[in-house]
Amino acid sequence: MPNDTQPPHDEFNDIASEGGGEPHPSDHASQAVEDLSERLQAEQDARKEERFLFVLIGLTLLNLHTFTSATTWTTPIVIGLLQLIGLAIYARRCGVEELEKLVDKFLSAMPGRDK
């Protein structure tokens, strides 16, 4: 017949008696939270870049349709320059680093700009 007078198993004493050889369960949780937050940030960055590409493709298709019926050559150039400025600003907000590097190289090559 088993002895029923034994004290119940105490998990707190088991955790407290660990000599630090194994990581604490909260260390695992904090590492998991950190990994998940990094993955979330990467997913958000990817979605912003996809939005930028969607806008760029849509704008290109709209320009192809609109500019083919333009009667003068100045209208597409002016509208195109305004769109490039707007796209550069939108790319910076979306975090598209490649376009930011290209714009920085272009602006640094402009004459009259201090280097």
Protein backbone atom coordinates (compact mmCIF):
# COMPACT_ATOMS: atom_id res chain seq x y z
CA MET A 1 0.00 0.00 0.00
CA PRO A 2 1.56 3.34 -1.04
CA ASN A 3 2.27 6.00 1.50
CA ASP A 4 -0.35 8.78 1.12
CA THR A 5 1.38 11.16 3.53
CA GLN A 6 3.99 12.39 1.01
CA PRO A 7 3.82 16.13 0.27
CA PRO A 8 2.64 17.07 -3.22
CA HIS A 9 5.25 17.67 -5.89
CA ASP A 10 6.28 21.34 -5.90
CA GLU A 11 7.33 22.63 -9.36
CA PHE A 12 8.51 25.95 -7.92
CA ASN A 13 11.19 24.21 -5.86
CA ASP A 14 12.32 22.29 -8.94
CA ILE A 15 12.77 25.51 -10.91
CA ALA A 16 14.43 27.30 -8.00
CA SER A 17 16.83 24.44 -7.38
CA GLU A 18 18.11 24.42 -10.95
CA GLY A 19 21.70 25.56 -10.90
CA GLY A 20 21.35 27.79 -13.94
CA GLY A 21 22.58 25.08 -16.28
CA GLU A 22 19.41 25.18 -18.32
CA PRO A 23 17.72 28.34 -19.52
CA HIS A 24 14.70 29.53 -17.64
CA PRO A 25 11.31 29.03 -19.37
CA SER A 26 10.84 32.80 -19.52
CA ASP A 27 14.08 33.01 -21.54
CA HIS A 28 12.50 30.73 -24.13
CA ALA A 29 9.37 32.87 -24.16
CA SER A 30 11.29 36.13 -24.58
CA GLN A 31 13.34 34.59 -27.40
CA ALA A 32 10.15 33.40 -29.09
CA VAL A 33 8.60 36.86 -28.77
CA GLU A 34 11.74 38.44 -30.24
CA ASP A 35 11.75 35.98 -33.16
CA LEU A 36 8.07 36.59 -33.84
CA SER A 37 8.51 40.36 -33.76
CA GLU A 38 11.39 40.11 -36.26
CA ARG A 39 9.27 37.93 -38.55
CA LEU A 40 6.36 40.37 -38.25
CA GLN A 41 8.61 43.30 -39.16
CA ALA A 42 9.96 41.42 -42.19
CA GLU A 43 6.40 40.59 -43.30
CA GLN A 44 5.31 44.21 -42.93
CA ASP A 45 8.31 45.39 -44.96
CA ALA A 46 7.55 42.86 -47.70
CA ARG A 47 3.92 44.00 -47.87
CA LYS A 48 4.94 47.66 -48.16
CA GLU A 49 7.27 46.81 -51.03
CA GLU A 50 4.51 44.81 -52.73
CA ARG A 51 2.15 47.81 -52.42
CA PHE A 52 4.75 50.04 -54.01
CA LEU A 53 5.22 47.62 -56.91
CA PHE A 54 1.44 47.40 -57.38
CA VAL A 55 1.17 51.20 -57.53
CA LEU A 56 4.13 51.39 -59.91
CA ILE A 57 2.68 48.79 -62.29
CA GLY A 58 -0.77 50.41 -62.19
CA LEU A 59 0.70 53.83 -62.88
CA THR A 60 2.77 52.46 -65.75
CA LEU A 61 -0.29 50.88 -67.36
CA LEU A 62 -2.25 54.10 -66.91
CA ASN A 63 0.58 56.09 -68.48
CA LEU A 64 0.78 53.75 -71.44
CA HIS A 65 -2.89 54.20 -72.09
CA THR A 66 -2.93 57.96 -71.50
CA PHE A 67 0.33 59.00 -73.12
CA THR A 68 -0.33 57.21 -76.40
CA SER A 69 -3.22 59.59 -77.04
CA ALA A 70 -1.31 62.74 -76.03
CA THR A 71 -1.07 65.30 -78.83
CA THR A 72 2.04 67.10 -77.55
CA TRP A 73 5.30 65.77 -76.19
CA THR A 74 5.50 68.19 -73.25
CA THR A 75 2.45 66.90 -71.41
CA PRO A 76 3.83 63.36 -70.86
CA ILE A 77 7.20 64.75 -69.80
CA VAL A 78 5.74 67.12 -67.19
CA ILE A 79 3.32 64.51 -65.85
CA GLY A 80 6.10 61.90 -65.84
CA LEU A 81 8.42 64.12 -63.82
CA LEU A 82 5.70 64.85 -61.29
CA GLN A 83 4.95 61.14 -61.03
CA LEU A 84 8.64 60.32 -60.53
CA ILE A 85 8.83 62.77 -57.64
CA GLY A 86 5.68 61.30 -56.11
CA LEU A 87 6.94 57.75 -56.58
CA ALA A 88 10.28 58.61 -54.97
CA ILE A 89 8.47 59.98 -51.92
CA TYR A 90 6.15 56.97 -51.79
CA ALA A 91 9.11 54.58 -52.16
CA ARG A 92 10.83 56.21 -49.21
CA ARG A 93 7.67 55.82 -47.10
CA CYS A 94 7.38 52.18 -48.17
CA GLY A 95 11.01 51.49 -47.32
CA VAL A 96 12.22 50.50 -50.78
CA GLU A 97 15.96 50.86 -50.22
CA GLU A 98 16.97 50.16 -53.81
CA LEU A 99 15.11 53.17 -55.15
CA GLU A 100 16.40 55.36 -52.34
CA LYS A 101 19.97 54.45 -53.32
CA LEU A 102 19.28 55.28 -56.96
CA VAL A 103 17.73 58.64 -56.09
CA ASP A 104 20.66 59.48 -53.81
CA LYS A 105 23.15 58.62 -56.57
CA PHE A 106 21.20 60.70 -59.07
CA LEU A 107 20.97 63.69 -56.75
CA SER A 108 24.66 63.51 -55.84
CA ALA A 109 25.56 63.59 -59.57
CA MET A 110 23.51 66.73 -60.18
CA PRO A 111 25.68 69.76 -61.00
CA GLY A 112 25.70 72.59 -58.48
CA ARG A 113 25.09 70.33 -55.51
CA ASP A 114 27.65 70.36 -52.69
CA LYS A 115 29.19 66.97 -52.07
